[in-house]
Protein backbone atom coordinates (compact mmCIF):
# COMPACT_ATOMS: atom_id res chain seq x y z
CA MET A 1 -86.74 17.39 62.53
CA LYS A 2 -83.78 17.21 60.21
CA ARG A 3 -82.79 13.83 61.61
CA VAL A 4 -86.28 12.46 61.05
CA VAL A 5 -86.23 13.62 57.44
CA ALA A 6 -82.74 12.23 56.86
CA LEU A 7 -83.68 8.82 58.31
CA VAL A 8 -86.81 8.61 56.14
CA VAL A 9 -84.92 9.67 53.01
CA GLY A 10 -82.17 7.11 53.80
CA ALA A 11 -84.76 4.31 54.13
CA VAL A 12 -86.52 5.30 50.93
CA LEU A 13 -83.17 5.37 49.05
CA ALA A 14 -82.31 1.94 50.42
CA VAL A 15 -85.55 0.46 49.21
CA SER A 16 -85.35 2.12 45.79
CA ALA A 17 -81.77 1.01 45.31
CA CYS A 18 -82.77 -2.63 45.79
CA SER A 19 -85.47 -2.48 43.16
CA GLY A 20 -83.78 -0.37 40.51
CA GLU A 21 -80.33 -1.81 39.93
CA SER A 22 -81.08 -4.26 37.09
CA SER A 23 -81.40 -1.56 34.38
CA ASN A 24 -77.66 -0.70 34.48
CA LYS A 25 -76.40 -4.21 33.69
CA PRO A 26 -75.28 -4.99 30.17
CA ALA A 27 -76.78 -7.95 28.39
CA ALA A 28 -74.83 -11.21 28.77
CA ALA A 29 -72.95 -12.38 25.71
CA LYS A 30 -74.22 -15.60 24.19
CA PRO A 31 -71.67 -18.37 23.81
CA SER A 32 -70.83 -19.28 20.23
CA ALA A 33 -70.44 -23.00 20.94
CA PRO A 34 -72.01 -25.19 23.59
CA LYS A 35 -69.81 -25.86 26.60
CA SER A 36 -69.84 -28.77 28.96
CA VAL A 37 -69.22 -26.57 31.96
CA ALA A 38 -72.44 -25.31 33.64
CA ALA A 39 -72.79 -21.56 33.95
CA PRO A 40 -72.66 -20.16 37.47
CA LYS A 41 -76.06 -19.76 39.08
CA PRO A 42 -77.15 -16.12 38.93
CA LYS A 43 -77.61 -14.42 42.29
CA ALA A 44 -81.18 -13.74 43.28
CA LYS A 45 -82.24 -10.10 43.44
CA LEU A 46 -82.50 -8.81 46.95
CA SER A 47 -85.49 -6.57 46.19
CA GLY A 48 -88.02 -9.42 46.43
CA ALA A 49 -87.42 -10.48 50.01
CA TRP A 50 -86.17 -7.15 51.36
CA GLY A 51 -88.89 -5.13 49.60
CA LYS A 52 -91.47 -7.20 51.46
CA LYS A 53 -89.68 -6.57 54.77
CA PHE A 54 -89.59 -2.82 54.21
CA ASP A 55 -93.25 -2.84 53.14
CA ALA A 56 -94.18 -4.68 56.34
CA VAL A 57 -92.30 -2.11 58.48
CA SER A 58 -93.72 0.82 56.53
CA ASN A 59 -97.28 -0.46 56.94
CA LYS A 60 -96.86 -0.54 60.73
CA GLY A 61 -96.43 3.20 60.86
CA GLY A 62 -99.62 4.32 59.23
CA PRO A 63 -100.46 7.88 58.27
CA GLY A 64 -99.30 10.50 60.73
CA VAL A 65 -96.99 8.25 62.75
CA CYS A 66 -94.37 10.99 62.77
CA ALA A 67 -96.75 13.96 62.87
CA ASP A 68 -95.34 14.92 66.26
CA VAL A 69 -91.59 15.33 66.33
CA GLY A 70 -90.06 13.47 69.22
CA ASP A 71 -93.03 11.14 69.62
CA GLU A 72 -92.08 7.69 70.91
CA GLY A 73 -94.09 5.95 68.19
CA CYS A 74 -92.25 7.93 65.54
CA ALA A 75 -88.91 7.15 67.06
CA ASN A 76 -89.71 3.42 67.21
CA PHE A 77 -90.92 3.45 63.61
CA LEU A 78 -87.79 5.16 62.30
CA THR A 79 -85.58 2.95 64.45
CA GLU A 80 -87.13 -0.15 62.90
CA ILE A 81 -86.60 1.24 59.40
CA MET A 82 -82.96 2.06 60.13
CA SER A 83 -82.36 -1.33 61.74
CA LEU A 84 -83.75 -3.02 58.63
CA THR A 85 -81.59 -0.79 56.43
CA LEU A 86 -78.47 -1.77 58.36
CA ASP A 87 -79.45 -5.46 58.10
CA LEU A 88 -79.79 -5.05 54.35
CA GLN A 89 -76.39 -3.46 54.08
CA GLU A 90 -74.88 -6.36 56.11
CA GLU A 91 -76.57 -8.82 53.75
CA ILE A 92 -75.12 -7.08 50.74
CA GLU A 93 -71.65 -6.98 52.31
CA GLY A 94 -71.93 -10.65 53.30
CA GLN A 95 -72.66 -11.61 49.72
CA HIS A 96 -69.93 -9.28 48.35
CA ARG A 97 -72.49 -7.51 46.19
CA GLY A 98 -71.74 -3.87 46.99
CA ARG A 99 -71.11 -3.00 43.32
CA GLU A 100 -74.64 -4.15 42.44
CA TYR A 101 -76.19 -1.86 45.08
CA PRO A 102 -74.03 1.27 45.30
CA ARG A 103 -76.77 3.63 46.52
CA THR A 104 -77.77 1.24 49.28
CA MET A 105 -74.21 1.02 50.41
CA ASP A 106 -73.57 4.79 50.31
CA ARG A 107 -73.27 5.75 53.97
CA SER A 108 -72.62 9.47 53.37
CA GLY A 109 -76.26 10.31 54.15
CA ARG A 110 -77.00 11.90 50.76
């Protein structure tokens, strides 16, 4: 039962980390004079695409999917969530954006 709770909490933290990171960023300084060099393109937030993926997986479970501990349906549901969480972590690592999503990248299980 503790593993089920830990997996669900981990998945919820992963989703919330994707959608809540923008509030900690300081406002960008405005340049005093126009420059001829184009500013680097800002990276797209991961929460849009990944939030939809997590929503789709979450909707598959339905209410009571994990009502019986050890149920195969529950195990498959949680496995899908954890697989998606690991895919998200790989995406963040691949884009070198770990500092933007520290809670998602925290693998301590807290």
